[in-house]
Amino acid sequence: MVGEEFNIEISEEQIAQADADVIFYTTFSGGEERRTKFLANPLWKRLKAVENGNVHEVKDEVWMTAVSLQGAHMILDDMARIFKVDPAKA
């Protein structure tokens, strides 16, 4: 997705807008049924990141609600793990 937005909530009809090299997604507490339906959508399976195995589920309580320095470090640690970067050197 081209643009300046950090995150975007999209409907099933808008899945193609999520086409990117890497996708991070999260599910809020109680949203597991919607998550399962969304990920089963044939449009989801056509995205580049999905086809290339570059989709990463992240913790909602960290990525969406942690508004602290510790939360930021947790997000950076997740990204370092995903992109195979040594966080001490980055």
Foldseek 3Di string as FASTA:
>chain_A
DDDDDPDDDDDLVCLLVQADLAEEEEAPPPRVVVVVVSCVRPSNCPHNNNVVVRYHYDYCCLPPPDPDPVSVVVVVVVVCVSVVHDPVVD
